[in-house]
């Protein structure tokens, strides 16, 4: 599974945010089920940042978010992400996709 978290960051907060995002990414990367991830900054809008992570499955990602270290050191930063869906299933030729339905209660 793929997680895409986008952030809007004021220009004056760039260096502090980058360090915090690198720290959050390191905490996530230490969790079981983490596959890989990257941090990026938009070329056209440099106040827009992204953290992408890949996980073995959704359960591994959810367990990572509920771990004590991640709750303490990463979730506060992740809660600053743009409010939009962030979890995606990877679509590859021939794979069966999840049933299309909203997972949010609302």
Protein backbone atom coordinates (compact mmCIF):
# COMPACT_ATOMS: atom_id res chain seq x y z
CA UNK A 1 0.00 0.00 0.00
CA UNK A 2 1.06 3.56 -0.62
CA UNK A 3 0.60 6.56 1.69
CA UNK A 4 0.87 10.11 0.31
CA UNK A 5 0.87 12.94 2.85
CA UNK A 6 1.11 16.50 1.50
CA UNK A 7 1.98 19.55 3.58
CA UNK A 8 1.80 23.32 3.05
CA UNK A 9 4.76 24.95 4.76
CA UNK A 10 5.47 28.67 5.04
CA UNK A 11 8.80 29.63 3.46
CA UNK A 12 10.22 30.75 6.80
CA UNK A 13 9.49 27.34 8.38
CA UNK A 14 11.15 25.31 5.62
CA UNK A 15 14.33 24.17 7.39
CA UNK A 16 12.65 23.36 10.71
CA UNK A 17 9.87 21.48 8.92
CA UNK A 18 12.35 19.53 6.83
CA UNK A 19 14.13 18.30 9.96
CA UNK A 20 10.84 17.36 11.62
CA UNK A 21 9.66 15.54 8.49
CA UNK A 22 12.95 13.63 8.21
CA UNK A 23 12.56 12.60 11.87
CA UNK A 24 8.97 11.46 11.34
CA UNK A 25 10.01 9.49 8.27
CA UNK A 26 12.81 7.79 10.23
CA UNK A 27 10.35 6.74 12.94
CA UNK A 28 7.98 5.27 10.36
CA UNK A 29 10.85 3.55 8.53
CA UNK A 30 11.82 1.72 11.73
CA UNK A 31 8.42 0.03 11.99
CA UNK A 32 7.71 -3.54 10.81
CA UNK A 33 6.09 -3.66 7.39
CA UNK A 34 7.70 -0.47 6.08
CA UNK A 35 8.98 -0.99 2.52
CA UNK A 36 10.36 2.40 1.48
CA UNK A 37 9.59 6.09 1.37
CA UNK A 38 10.67 9.50 0.16
CA UNK A 39 10.38 13.15 1.07
CA UNK A 40 9.85 15.67 -1.70
CA UNK A 41 9.21 19.33 -2.32
CA UNK A 42 7.16 20.61 -5.24
CA UNK A 43 9.21 22.23 -8.01
CA UNK A 44 6.55 24.76 -8.99
CA UNK A 45 5.19 25.47 -5.51
CA UNK A 46 8.07 25.17 -3.03
CA UNK A 47 5.75 25.58 -0.04
CA UNK A 48 4.18 22.20 -0.92
CA UNK A 49 5.98 19.16 0.53
CA UNK A 50 5.18 15.45 0.36
CA UNK A 51 6.03 12.33 2.35
CA UNK A 52 5.35 9.08 0.52
CA UNK A 53 5.72 5.70 2.19
CA UNK A 54 5.07 2.17 1.01
CA UNK A 55 3.95 -0.61 3.33
CA UNK A 56 3.53 -4.37 3.02
CA UNK A 57 -0.20 -3.95 3.76
CA UNK A 58 -2.64 -1.60 5.42
CA UNK A 59 -2.39 -3.41 8.74
CA UNK A 60 1.34 -2.71 8.97
CA UNK A 61 0.71 0.99 8.34
CA UNK A 62 -2.05 1.20 10.92
CA UNK A 63 0.06 -0.62 13.51
CA UNK A 64 2.95 1.76 12.78
CA UNK A 65 0.69 4.76 13.46
CA UNK A 66 -0.45 3.26 16.75
CA UNK A 67 3.07 2.56 18.06
CA UNK A 68 4.17 4.69 21.01
CA UNK A 69 7.24 6.20 19.29
CA UNK A 70 5.30 7.16 16.16
CA UNK A 71 2.39 8.58 18.18
CA UNK A 72 4.82 10.72 20.12
CA UNK A 73 7.31 11.71 17.41
CA UNK A 74 5.50 11.57 14.06
CA UNK A 75 1.72 11.81 14.45
CA UNK A 76 1.77 15.48 15.58
CA UNK A 77 3.59 16.38 12.35
CA UNK A 78 1.45 14.05 10.21
CA UNK A 79 -1.67 15.74 11.59
CA UNK A 80 -0.52 18.92 9.82
CA UNK A 81 -0.94 17.25 6.41
CA UNK A 82 -3.40 18.61 3.88
CA UNK A 83 -6.83 17.19 4.79
CA UNK A 84 -7.35 14.66 2.01
CA UNK A 85 -7.34 10.88 1.66
CA UNK A 86 -3.77 9.61 1.87
CA UNK A 87 -3.84 5.78 1.70
CA UNK A 88 -3.78 4.12 -1.72
CA UNK A 89 -3.67 0.57 -2.92
CA UNK A 90 -0.98 -0.12 -5.49
CA UNK A 91 -2.50 -0.97 -8.87
CA UNK A 92 -0.51 -3.45 -10.91
CA UNK A 93 -1.52 -5.41 -14.02
CA UNK A 94 -3.82 -8.28 -13.14
CA UNK A 95 -4.31 -7.40 -9.48
CA UNK A 96 -7.73 -7.52 -7.88
CA UNK A 97 -8.64 -4.15 -6.38
CA UNK A 98 -10.56 -3.48 -3.19
CA UNK A 99 -14.28 -2.89 -3.54
CA UNK A 100 -14.92 0.74 -4.40
CA UNK A 101 -16.55 2.31 -1.35
CA UNK A 102 -15.90 5.12 1.04
CA UNK A 103 -14.11 3.97 4.19
CA UNK A 104 -14.95 7.13 6.11
CA UNK A 105 -17.91 7.54 8.37
CA UNK A 106 -19.54 10.76 7.88
